[in-house]
Protein backbone atom coordinates (compact mmCIF):
# COMPACT_ATOMS: atom_id res chain seq x y z
CA MET A 1 -119.42 -64.36 8.88
CA ILE A 2 -122.57 -63.54 10.86
CA LYS A 3 -123.64 -59.90 10.74
CA GLY A 4 -125.01 -58.32 13.90
CA TYR A 5 -127.13 -55.33 14.88
CA LEU A 6 -127.67 -53.76 18.30
CA GLY A 7 -131.01 -52.44 19.56
CA VAL A 8 -130.70 -50.52 22.84
CA ASP A 9 -133.57 -49.29 25.02
CA LEU A 10 -132.75 -46.40 27.38
CA GLY A 11 -135.60 -46.88 29.84
CA THR A 12 -136.71 -45.02 32.94
CA THR A 13 -135.19 -47.49 35.39
CA GLY A 14 -132.54 -49.22 33.31
CA THR A 15 -131.01 -49.90 29.90
CA LYS A 16 -131.45 -53.11 27.93
CA ALA A 17 -129.35 -54.08 24.91
CA ILE A 18 -130.13 -56.89 22.48
CA LEU A 19 -127.84 -58.22 19.76
CA PHE A 20 -129.66 -59.46 16.64
CA ASP A 21 -128.46 -61.27 13.57
CA GLU A 22 -129.57 -60.16 10.11
CA ASN A 23 -132.51 -62.61 10.21
CA ASP A 24 -134.06 -61.02 13.32
CA ASN A 25 -132.82 -63.72 15.70
CA VAL A 26 -131.72 -62.70 19.21
CA LEU A 27 -128.07 -63.59 19.82
CA GLY A 28 -127.44 -61.94 23.18
CA LYS A 29 -128.94 -59.69 25.84
CA GLY A 30 -127.68 -57.33 28.52
CA TYR A 31 -129.30 -55.13 31.15
CA GLN A 32 -128.22 -52.64 33.77
CA SER A 33 -130.48 -50.66 36.08
CA TYR A 34 -129.98 -47.17 37.48
CA LYS A 35 -131.55 -45.25 40.31
CA LEU A 36 -133.97 -42.41 40.51
CA ILE A 37 -132.70 -39.60 42.74
CA THR A 38 -135.49 -38.02 44.82
CA PRO A 39 -134.01 -35.15 46.88
CA ALA A 40 -137.44 -33.63 47.57
CA GLU A 41 -141.11 -34.24 46.96
CA LYS A 42 -141.94 -34.10 43.23
CA PHE A 43 -138.20 -34.19 42.34
CA PHE A 44 -137.24 -37.17 40.15
CA GLU A 45 -133.68 -36.98 38.86
CA GLN A 46 -131.02 -39.25 37.38
CA ASN A 47 -127.28 -39.05 36.90
CA ALA A 48 -126.84 -38.90 33.13
CA GLU A 49 -123.48 -40.66 33.44
CA ASP A 50 -125.45 -43.68 34.64
CA TRP A 51 -127.23 -43.75 31.27
CA TYR A 52 -123.97 -44.03 29.35
CA ASN A 53 -122.41 -46.51 31.76
CA ALA A 54 -125.53 -48.68 31.48
CA VAL A 55 -125.21 -48.65 27.68
CA VAL A 56 -121.58 -49.75 27.94
CA ASN A 57 -122.30 -52.58 30.37
CA SER A 58 -125.50 -53.84 28.77
CA VAL A 59 -123.90 -53.87 25.31
CA LYS A 60 -120.82 -55.60 26.70
CA ASP A 61 -123.01 -58.40 28.06
CA ALA A 62 -125.05 -58.65 24.86
CA VAL A 63 -121.99 -59.10 22.60
CA LYS A 64 -119.73 -61.14 24.89
CA ASP A 65 -120.16 -64.40 22.94
CA PHE A 66 -120.24 -62.85 19.45
CA ASP A 67 -117.31 -62.97 17.04
CA GLY A 68 -119.01 -61.53 13.95
CA GLU A 69 -119.23 -58.00 12.60
CA ILE A 70 -121.74 -55.57 14.12
CA LEU A 71 -123.03 -53.33 11.36
CA GLY A 72 -124.98 -50.79 13.36
CA MET A 73 -126.63 -49.72 16.59
CA SER A 74 -129.70 -47.63 17.32
CA PHE A 75 -131.75 -46.61 20.32
CA SER A 76 -135.14 -46.36 21.93
CA ALA A 77 -135.29 -43.79 24.72
CA GLN A 78 -137.44 -42.37 27.51
CA GLY A 79 -138.65 -38.95 26.41
CA GLY A 80 -138.68 -35.60 28.16
CA SER A 81 -135.82 -36.30 30.60
CA PHE A 82 -132.96 -33.83 30.16
CA LEU A 83 -129.91 -32.17 31.71
CA LEU A 84 -127.93 -28.98 31.21
CA ALA A 85 -124.32 -29.42 30.08
CA ASP A 86 -121.23 -27.34 29.39
CA LEU A 87 -118.34 -28.29 27.06
CA ASP A 88 -114.61 -28.12 27.76
CA GLU A 89 -112.01 -26.93 25.25
CA ASN A 90 -111.89 -30.42 23.69
CA GLY A 91 -115.64 -30.65 23.26
CA ASN A 92 -116.13 -33.06 26.16
CA LEU A 93 -119.38 -32.84 28.08
CA ILE A 94 -119.43 -31.30 31.55
CA PRO A 95 -122.83 -32.02 33.16
CA LEU A 96 -124.08 -28.98 35.07
CA THR A 97 -127.16 -30.64 36.57
CA ASN A 98 -128.61 -34.04 37.16
CA ALA A 99 -131.12 -35.06 34.53
CA LEU A 100 -134.64 -33.94 35.42
CA THR A 101 -136.71 -36.96 34.35
CA TRP A 102 -140.11 -36.98 32.70
CA LEU A 103 -141.51 -38.02 36.10
CA ASP A 104 -140.36 -34.74 37.68
CA ASN A 105 -143.21 -32.48 38.71
CA ARG A 106 -141.43 -29.73 40.67
CA ALA A 107 -142.24 -26.82 38.38
CA GLY A 108 -145.83 -26.11 39.40
CA VAL A 109 -145.18 -22.45 40.23
CA GLU A 110 -143.26 -21.91 37.01
CA ALA A 111 -146.06 -23.51 34.99
CA GLN A 112 -148.58 -21.09 36.53
CA GLU A 113 -146.32 -18.08 36.02
CA ASN A 114 -145.80 -18.80 32.32
CA ALA A 115 -149.11 -20.44 31.41
CA ASP A 116 -150.73 -17.44 29.69
CA LYS A 117 -147.75 -16.67 27.47
CA PHE A 118 -147.34 -20.36 26.59
CA THR A 119 -151.00 -20.56 25.59
CA GLU A 120 -150.65 -17.37 23.56
CA ILE A 121 -147.74 -18.88 21.59
CA THR A 122 -148.98 -22.46 21.22
CA GLY A 123 -152.68 -22.54 22.01
CA GLY A 124 -151.95 -25.34 24.46
CA LYS A 125 -151.84 -25.65 28.23
CA LEU A 126 -148.65 -25.69 30.28
CA SER A 127 -148.28 -28.36 32.96
CA ALA A 128 -145.88 -28.68 35.88
CA GLY A 129 -144.35 -31.79 34.32
CA SER A 130 -143.66 -30.17 30.96
CA ALA A 131 -140.00 -29.92 29.95
CA ILE A 132 -140.33 -26.18 29.35
CA SER A 133 -141.68 -25.72 32.90
CA ARG A 134 -138.62 -27.53 34.21
CA LEU A 135 -136.39 -25.27 32.10
CA PHE A 136 -138.05 -22.25 33.73
CA TRP A 137 -137.42 -23.83 37.15
CA LEU A 138 -133.73 -24.29 36.34
CA LYS A 139 -133.47 -20.71 35.10
CA LYS A 140 -134.93 -19.43 38.37
CA ASN A 141 -133.31 -21.81 40.85
CA MET A 142 -129.98 -22.65 39.21
CA PRO A 143 -129.11 -19.41 37.35
CA ILE A 144 -125.34 -20.01 37.29
CA GLU A 145 -125.69 -23.45 35.72
CA PHE A 146 -128.36 -22.12 33.35
CA SER A 147 -126.06 -19.33 32.16
CA LYS A 148 -123.18 -21.77 31.52
CA THR A 149 -125.29 -24.16 29.44
CA LYS A 150 -123.90 -25.06 26.03
CA LEU A 151 -126.27 -27.96 25.39
CA VAL A 152 -129.64 -29.16 26.63
CA LEU A 153 -129.53 -32.93 26.18
CA SER A 154 -132.24 -35.52 26.61
CA THR A 155 -131.56 -39.20 27.16
CA SER A 156 -130.69 -40.47 23.70
CA ASP A 157 -128.83 -37.36 22.53
CA TYR A 158 -126.66 -37.43 25.64
CA VAL A 159 -125.65 -40.98 24.74
CA TYR A 160 -125.16 -40.06 21.07
CA TYR A 161 -122.80 -37.28 22.12
CA MET A 162 -120.86 -39.58 24.42
CA LEU A 163 -120.52 -42.07 21.56
CA THR A 164 -119.79 -39.74 18.63
CA LYS A 165 -119.41 -36.14 19.93
CA LYS A 166 -122.31 -35.19 17.63
CA ALA A 167 -125.21 -33.19 19.13
CA VAL A 168 -128.27 -34.59 17.37
CA ILE A 169 -131.77 -35.66 18.37
CA ASP A 170 -134.60 -37.40 16.52
CA TYR A 171 -137.85 -35.50 16.07
CA THR A 172 -140.01 -37.87 18.16
CA SER A 173 -137.72 -37.23 21.13
CA ALA A 174 -137.30 -33.51 20.34
CA ALA A 175 -141.08 -33.11 20.51
CA MET A 176 -140.98 -34.22 24.16
CA MET A 177 -138.86 -31.18 25.04
CA ALA A 178 -141.88 -28.81 24.70
CA VAL A 179 -139.93 -26.18 22.71
CA TYR A 180 -140.68 -27.88 19.41
CA ASP A 181 -142.91 -27.06 16.45
CA GLY A 182 -144.55 -30.28 15.26
CA GLU A 183 -145.81 -28.73 12.04
CA LYS A 184 -142.39 -27.48 10.96
CA ASN A 185 -140.69 -30.54 12.45
CA ASP A 186 -138.06 -28.32 14.04
CA TRP A 187 -137.32 -26.34 17.18
CA ASP A 188 -139.74 -23.50 17.89
CA ASP A 189 -137.72 -20.28 18.01
CA LYS A 190 -140.50 -18.39 19.83
CA LEU A 191 -140.60 -20.94 22.64
CA ILE A 192 -136.82 -21.10 22.89
CA GLU A 193 -136.67 -17.30 23.13
CA PHE A 194 -139.53 -17.39 25.66
CA VAL A 195 -137.51 -19.59 28.01
CA GLY A 196 -134.45 -17.37 27.54
CA MET A 197 -132.27 -19.69 25.48
CA SER A 198 -130.97 -19.97 21.92
CA ARG A 199 -131.31 -22.57 19.19
CA SER A 200 -127.57 -23.32 19.38
CA GLN A 201 -128.11 -24.83 22.83
CA PHE A 202 -130.29 -27.61 21.43
CA PRO A 203 -129.15 -30.57 19.30
CA LYS A 204 -129.72 -30.70 15.57
CA VAL A 205 -132.99 -32.47 14.70
CA ILE A 206 -132.62 -35.40 12.30
CA GLY A 207 -134.69 -38.40 11.26
CA ALA A 208 -134.82 -41.94 12.58
CA GLY A 209 -132.24 -44.18 10.94
CA GLU A 210 -129.93 -41.36 9.87
CA LEU A 211 -126.26 -42.08 10.40
CA ILE A 212 -124.85 -40.00 13.26
CA GLY A 213 -121.29 -41.28 13.13
CA GLN A 214 -119.08 -44.06 14.40
CA ALA A 215 -118.84 -45.08 18.03
CA SER A 216 -115.67 -43.95 19.77
CA GLN A 217 -112.70 -46.24 20.24
CA GLU A 218 -113.18 -45.86 23.99
CA PHE A 219 -116.69 -47.38 23.70
CA LEU A 220 -115.48 -50.18 21.43
CA SER A 221 -112.69 -51.07 23.82
CA ALA A 222 -114.99 -51.00 26.84
CA THR A 223 -117.56 -53.29 25.21
CA GLY A 224 -115.18 -55.61 23.34
CA ILE A 225 -116.63 -54.77 19.91
CA LYS A 226 -114.14 -55.28 17.09
CA GLY A 227 -113.87 -53.04 14.06
CA ASN A 228 -116.06 -49.98 13.54
CA LEU A 229 -119.64 -49.47 14.71
CA ASN A 230 -122.10 -47.13 13.01
CA VAL A 231 -124.50 -45.29 15.30
CA TYR A 232 -127.93 -44.54 13.79
CA CYS A 233 -130.41 -42.04 15.20
CA GLY A 234 -133.20 -43.76 17.13
CA VAL A 235 -136.69 -42.81 18.35
CA HIS A 236 -138.77 -42.13 21.46
CA ASP A 237 -139.66 -45.37 23.25
CA GLN A 238 -143.36 -45.43 22.34
CA PHE A 239 -142.49 -45.15 18.66
CA ALA A 240 -139.83 -47.80 19.06
CA ALA A 241 -142.41 -50.08 20.68
CA SER A 242 -144.76 -49.54 17.75
CA LEU A 243 -141.99 -50.45 15.28
CA GLY A 244 -141.03 -53.44 17.41
CA SER A 245 -144.65 -54.58 17.55
CA ASN A 246 -145.32 -54.08 13.84
CA TYR A 247 -147.49 -57.16 13.39
CA PHE A 248 -150.61 -55.86 11.70
CA GLY A 249 -151.76 -52.55 10.23
CA ASP A 250 -152.08 -48.83 10.82
CA ASP A 251 -155.51 -49.13 12.45
CA ASP A 252 -154.23 -51.31 15.26
CA ILE A 253 -153.74 -50.05 18.80
CA ILE A 254 -150.90 -51.05 21.12
CA VAL A 255 -151.42 -51.06 24.89
CA SER A 256 -148.00 -51.13 26.55
CA THR A 257 -148.34 -52.22 30.17
CA GLY A 258 -145.81 -51.35 32.84
CA THR A 259 -145.35 -48.68 35.50
CA THR A 260 -147.61 -46.55 33.32
CA TRP A 261 -149.86 -48.11 30.70
CA VAL A 262 -149.63 -46.28 27.38
CA VAL A 263 -152.12 -46.56 24.54
CA PHE A 264 -150.51 -45.94 21.15
CA ALA A 265 -152.25 -45.51 17.79
CA LYS A 266 -151.20 -44.53 14.30
CA ASN A 267 -153.11 -42.55 11.70
CA ALA A 268 -152.32 -41.39 8.19
CA GLN A 269 -153.64 -37.89 8.90
CA LYS A 270 -153.25 -35.51 11.81
CA VAL A 271 -156.17 -35.69 14.23
CA ALA A 272 -157.13 -33.25 16.99
CA GLY A 273 -157.70 -34.69 20.45
CA LYS A 274 -156.44 -35.15 24.00
CA PHE A 275 -153.33 -37.06 23.05
CA ALA A 276 -149.71 -36.42 22.21
CA CYS A 277 -149.08 -36.36 18.46
CA ARG A 278 -145.77 -36.89 16.68
CA ARG A 279 -144.83 -37.66 13.10
CA HIS A 280 -144.28 -41.39 12.88
CA PRO A 281 -140.93 -42.53 11.43
CA ASP A 282 -142.78 -45.07 9.27
CA GLY A 283 -145.18 -42.46 7.84
CA GLY A 284 -148.29 -40.74 9.13
CA TYR A 285 -148.65 -39.72 12.75
CA GLY A 286 -148.26 -41.54 16.03
CA TYR A 287 -150.51 -40.74 18.98
CA PHE A 288 -150.21 -41.87 22.56
CA VAL A 289 -152.08 -41.39 25.81
CA SER A 290 -150.77 -42.43 29.22
CA ALA A 291 -152.99 -43.95 31.88
CA VAL A 292 -150.66 -42.58 34.52
CA SER A 293 -151.42 -44.70 37.59
CA SER A 294 -152.27 -47.96 35.87
CA GLY A 295 -149.27 -50.08 36.81
CA THR A 296 -148.26 -48.33 40.01
CA VAL A 297 -151.66 -48.69 41.67
CA LEU A 298 -151.69 -52.50 41.72
CA GLU A 299 -148.05 -52.55 42.84
CA TRP A 300 -148.92 -50.17 45.67
CA GLU A 301 -151.95 -52.22 46.71
CA LYS A 302 -149.95 -55.45 46.55
CA ASN A 303 -147.42 -54.02 48.98
CA PHE A 304 -150.08 -52.39 51.14
CA PHE A 305 -151.95 -55.68 51.58
CA GLY A 306 -148.78 -57.77 51.91
CA THR A 307 -149.66 -60.16 49.11
CA ASP A 308 -148.11 -61.15 45.76
CA TYR A 309 -149.18 -61.32 42.14
CA ASP A 310 -149.65 -65.10 42.10
CA ALA A 311 -152.09 -64.87 44.99
CA ILE A 312 -153.86 -61.90 43.39
CA ASN A 313 -154.33 -63.67 40.07
CA SER A 314 -155.55 -66.91 41.62
CA GLU A 315 -157.98 -65.23 44.04
CA VAL A 316 -159.40 -62.55 41.75
CA VAL A 317 -160.88 -65.12 39.35
CA LYS A 318 -162.88 -66.61 42.24
CA ARG A 319 -164.69 -63.33 42.90
CA ASP A 320 -168.14 -62.81 41.39
CA PHE A 321 -168.97 -59.74 39.34
CA ASP A 322 -169.78 -56.82 41.64
CA GLU A 323 -171.71 -53.99 40.01
CA ASP A 324 -171.21 -51.53 42.89
CA LEU A 325 -167.64 -51.83 44.18
CA MET A 326 -165.37 -49.44 42.28
CA VAL A 327 -161.78 -48.34 42.60
CA TYR A 328 -160.57 -45.15 40.93
CA PRO A 329 -156.91 -46.08 40.34
CA PHE A 330 -155.31 -42.62 40.34
CA ILE A 331 -152.67 -43.32 43.00
CA SER A 332 -150.18 -41.03 41.20
CA GLY A 333 -152.64 -38.77 39.39
CA ASN A 334 -154.69 -39.06 36.23
CA GLY A 335 -154.03 -38.21 32.62
CA ALA A 336 -154.93 -35.18 30.50
CA TYR A 337 -157.58 -37.26 28.70
CA ARG A 338 -159.65 -36.90 31.90
CA GLY A 339 -159.72 -33.13 31.47
CA LYS A 340 -159.72 -31.02 34.63
CA ASN A 341 -160.90 -33.85 36.87
CA GLU A 342 -158.59 -34.14 39.87
CA LEU A 343 -160.13 -37.16 41.62
CA LYS A 344 -157.46 -39.04 43.55
CA PHE A 345 -157.26 -42.73 44.35
CA SER A 346 -160.54 -43.70 45.96
CA VAL A 347 -162.70 -46.71 46.74
CA HIS A 348 -166.48 -46.57 46.43
CA ASN A 349 -169.07 -48.87 47.98
CA LEU A 350 -166.66 -51.04 49.95
CA THR A 351 -168.56 -52.98 52.62
CA TYR A 352 -167.82 -55.24 55.58
CA ASN A 353 -168.41 -58.26 53.34
CA HIS A 354 -165.60 -57.37 50.92
CA ASP A 355 -161.98 -58.43 51.32
CA LYS A 356 -158.69 -57.28 49.83
CA PHE A 357 -159.07 -59.43 46.72
CA ASP A 358 -162.47 -57.89 45.96
CA MET A 359 -160.75 -54.52 46.11
CA LEU A 360 -157.85 -55.72 43.95
CA LYS A 361 -160.28 -57.02 41.34
CA ALA A 362 -162.08 -53.67 41.34
CA THR A 363 -158.68 -52.02 40.84
CA MET A 364 -158.03 -54.17 37.77
CA GLU A 365 -161.46 -53.14 36.52
CA GLY A 366 -160.69 -49.47 37.20
CA VAL A 367 -157.52 -49.63 35.10
CA ALA A 368 -159.45 -51.45 32.35
CA PHE A 369 -162.08 -48.68 32.46
CA GLU A 370 -159.34 -46.08 31.98
CA ILE A 371 -157.99 -47.95 28.95
CA ASN A 372 -161.54 -48.18 27.59
CA GLN A 373 -161.92 -44.41 28.10
CA ILE A 374 -158.73 -43.81 26.09
CA VAL A 375 -159.71 -46.21 23.30
CA ASN A 376 -163.09 -44.45 23.10
CA THR A 377 -161.25 -41.12 22.91
CA PHE A 378 -159.37 -42.40 19.87
CA ALA A 379 -162.57 -43.72 18.28
CA ASP A 380 -164.41 -40.43 18.93
CA ALA A 381 -161.58 -38.55 17.23
CA GLY A 382 -162.07 -40.58 14.05
CA PHE A 383 -159.60 -43.43 14.43
CA ASN A 384 -160.53 -46.79 13.00
CA VAL A 385 -159.86 -49.11 15.92
CA GLY A 386 -158.61 -52.42 14.55
CA LYS A 387 -156.83 -55.09 16.51
CA ILE A 388 -155.69 -54.30 20.05
CA ILE A 389 -152.22 -55.59 20.87
CA VAL A 390 -151.18 -55.74 24.53
CA THR A 391 -147.53 -55.95 25.52
CA GLY A 392 -145.62 -55.94 28.80
CA GLY A 393 -145.77 -57.55 32.20
CA ALA A 394 -149.54 -57.35 32.76
CA THR A 395 -150.10 -59.82 29.92
CA ARG A 396 -148.96 -62.52 32.34
CA SER A 397 -152.09 -61.93 34.43
CA GLU A 398 -154.85 -64.04 32.91
CA ALA A 399 -157.36 -62.50 35.30
CA TRP A 400 -156.49 -58.92 34.32
CA MET A 401 -156.44 -59.64 30.60
CA ASN A 402 -159.84 -61.34 30.78
CA ILE A 403 -161.24 -58.27 32.55
CA LEU A 404 -159.64 -55.90 30.02
CA SER A 405 -160.93 -57.88 27.05
CA THR A 406 -164.47 -57.96 28.48
CA VAL A 407 -164.49 -54.26 29.41
CA LEU A 408 -163.30 -53.36 25.89
CA ASN A 409 -165.58 -56.06 24.45
CA ARG A 410 -162.82 -56.90 21.98
CA LYS A 411 -160.43 -59.72 21.28
CA LEU A 412 -156.96 -58.93 22.62
CA TYR A 413 -153.68 -60.00 21.05
CA LEU A 414 -151.27 -60.64 23.90
CA SER A 415 -147.72 -60.37 22.65
CA GLU A 416 -145.06 -62.64 24.08
CA GLN A 417 -142.50 -60.06 23.01
CA THR A 418 -141.42 -58.24 26.16
CA ASP A 419 -138.58 -56.36 24.46
CA GLY A 420 -140.54 -54.37 21.89
CA CYS A 421 -138.47 -51.22 22.35
CA CYS A 422 -135.21 -53.07 21.65
CA PHE A 423 -136.81 -54.72 18.62
CA GLY A 424 -137.90 -51.29 17.42
CA ALA A 425 -134.41 -49.87 17.92
CA TYR A 426 -133.00 -52.79 15.94
CA SER A 427 -135.55 -52.10 13.20
CA VAL A 428 -134.32 -48.49 13.06
CA ALA A 429 -130.67 -49.61 12.84
CA LYS A 430 -131.53 -51.89 9.95
CA LYS A 431 -133.49 -49.06 8.32
CA GLY A 432 -130.29 -47.00 8.44
CA ILE A 433 -128.46 -49.67 6.47
CA GLU A 434 -131.16 -51.16 4.22
CA ASP A 435 -133.58 -48.19 4.01
CA LYS A 436 -136.56 -50.20 5.27
CA TYR A 437 -137.93 -51.19 8.65
CA VAL A 438 -138.10 -54.78 9.80
CA ARG A 439 -141.57 -56.37 9.86
CA PHE A 440 -141.97 -58.82 12.72
CA ASN A 441 -144.30 -61.80 12.98
CA PHE A 442 -146.78 -61.88 15.84
CA SER A 443 -145.95 -64.35 18.57
CA GLY A 444 -148.43 -64.74 21.40
CA LYS A 445 -152.02 -65.65 22.17
CA THR A 446 -155.47 -64.11 22.04
CA VAL A 447 -158.12 -63.51 24.68
CA GLU A 448 -161.83 -63.27 23.90
CA PRO A 449 -164.31 -61.18 25.92
CA ASN A 450 -166.73 -62.90 28.27
CA THR A 451 -170.00 -62.31 26.42
CA GLU A 452 -172.09 -62.96 29.54
CA LEU A 453 -170.34 -60.12 31.39
CA ALA A 454 -169.77 -57.63 28.56
CA GLU A 455 -173.13 -55.88 28.96
CA LYS A 456 -172.74 -55.79 32.76
CA TYR A 457 -169.31 -54.18 32.43
CA LEU A 458 -170.68 -51.63 29.98
CA LYS A 459 -173.24 -50.53 32.57
CA LYS A 460 -170.63 -50.53 35.33
CA PHE A 461 -168.32 -48.40 33.16
CA GLU A 462 -171.14 -45.88 32.66
CA LYS A 463 -171.73 -45.77 36.42
CA TYR A 464 -167.96 -45.46 37.01
CA ASN A 465 -167.81 -42.43 34.69
CA GLN A 466 -170.76 -40.69 36.34
CA ILE A 467 -168.65 -39.90 39.40
CA LEU A 468 -165.82 -38.53 37.25
CA VAL A 469 -168.07 -36.04 35.43
CA LYS A 470 -169.71 -34.60 38.56
């Protein structure tokens, strides 16, 4: 009988489930989207029940043609999104709030009010988008719900509880909650006390691949899965993507392209720098930096100009190199790696002779410059930068990948694997059973830099950065 494994990715806009056999072959897929709720500016919420329902429906589709035994299931999940929940007398969850997603930026006042104390405790800076800032906002603006809270649950641990009634979270996801001590690999009691809560209100921290329990009969009936199903603790989505893209070695960098482009690197030792650091489930430390506006800016421009990606890609390659026209792509802000710079989306040196495709090409260059800035940040911090693997939708743009390769002046490995997070979640499930992660073979193509333009782009990148440091 064929043995199956489920890898599930709880994303920002939807959940994808993939059924694998024991030889890493894909047997079935399912997907269900869910909406962002935006009741006010800077508010980005979701209904947590949509997360669980999407798991049920996506898994149901993935397994519908499978008659074998499914040995285990694990998860990849968006980090930093959470809700407050109560429990009834039978231990069932009662959501008290919508989930405040990682995109939510409402807590600017609370971040300012608590910044000094946060810095005193951690040495770090408190931002409006931090989970602890959002907890302070809830405490101030929803005091009744805050006082009733039995559990603070992020995306994956909400689903774990719905499946098993066990309140657990993996440490890569716990670290996104901003009340976590990365050195001790546990909740930070000082930060929890600072926000006015207790350790009992947060799930137990466990490791990736640890058995949580068996999925409920209700879930099995709803999805059509026969027998029992073990649920194994998963990881934050960037770590899942790194496990799902495990083609080469620890020095390699993964650029995940999407709404936000994220640059992920791994290092054996802890390194100081302007990037998020978490213990990596496969040893060492994982680091990631988000180029916040990278995917959204081209989508916004596409809609603004009333064009499409096919037209953009075909026209951009016809445009000659322009050393002066620059687009700073920060349509939804810039990342912490840019320090205190608050430059918004802007276009420099646009003339009457330019058209929309010149501007779109300069936008692609601007995003490539931001990725180059992040890669340089890693290199300056002491990382050995090996191969650069690019995943996600932007790899389908030959024009953009040629620009990126030339700006970085490096060969790029463009992965054909668009489901890296699900592959990583599957790898974690198999780790729970076999005590080792799956190693995947690379499938894709490479892009070489244009040597004639590499020096020109280096000079343009230096000019681009001059404005940002003024």
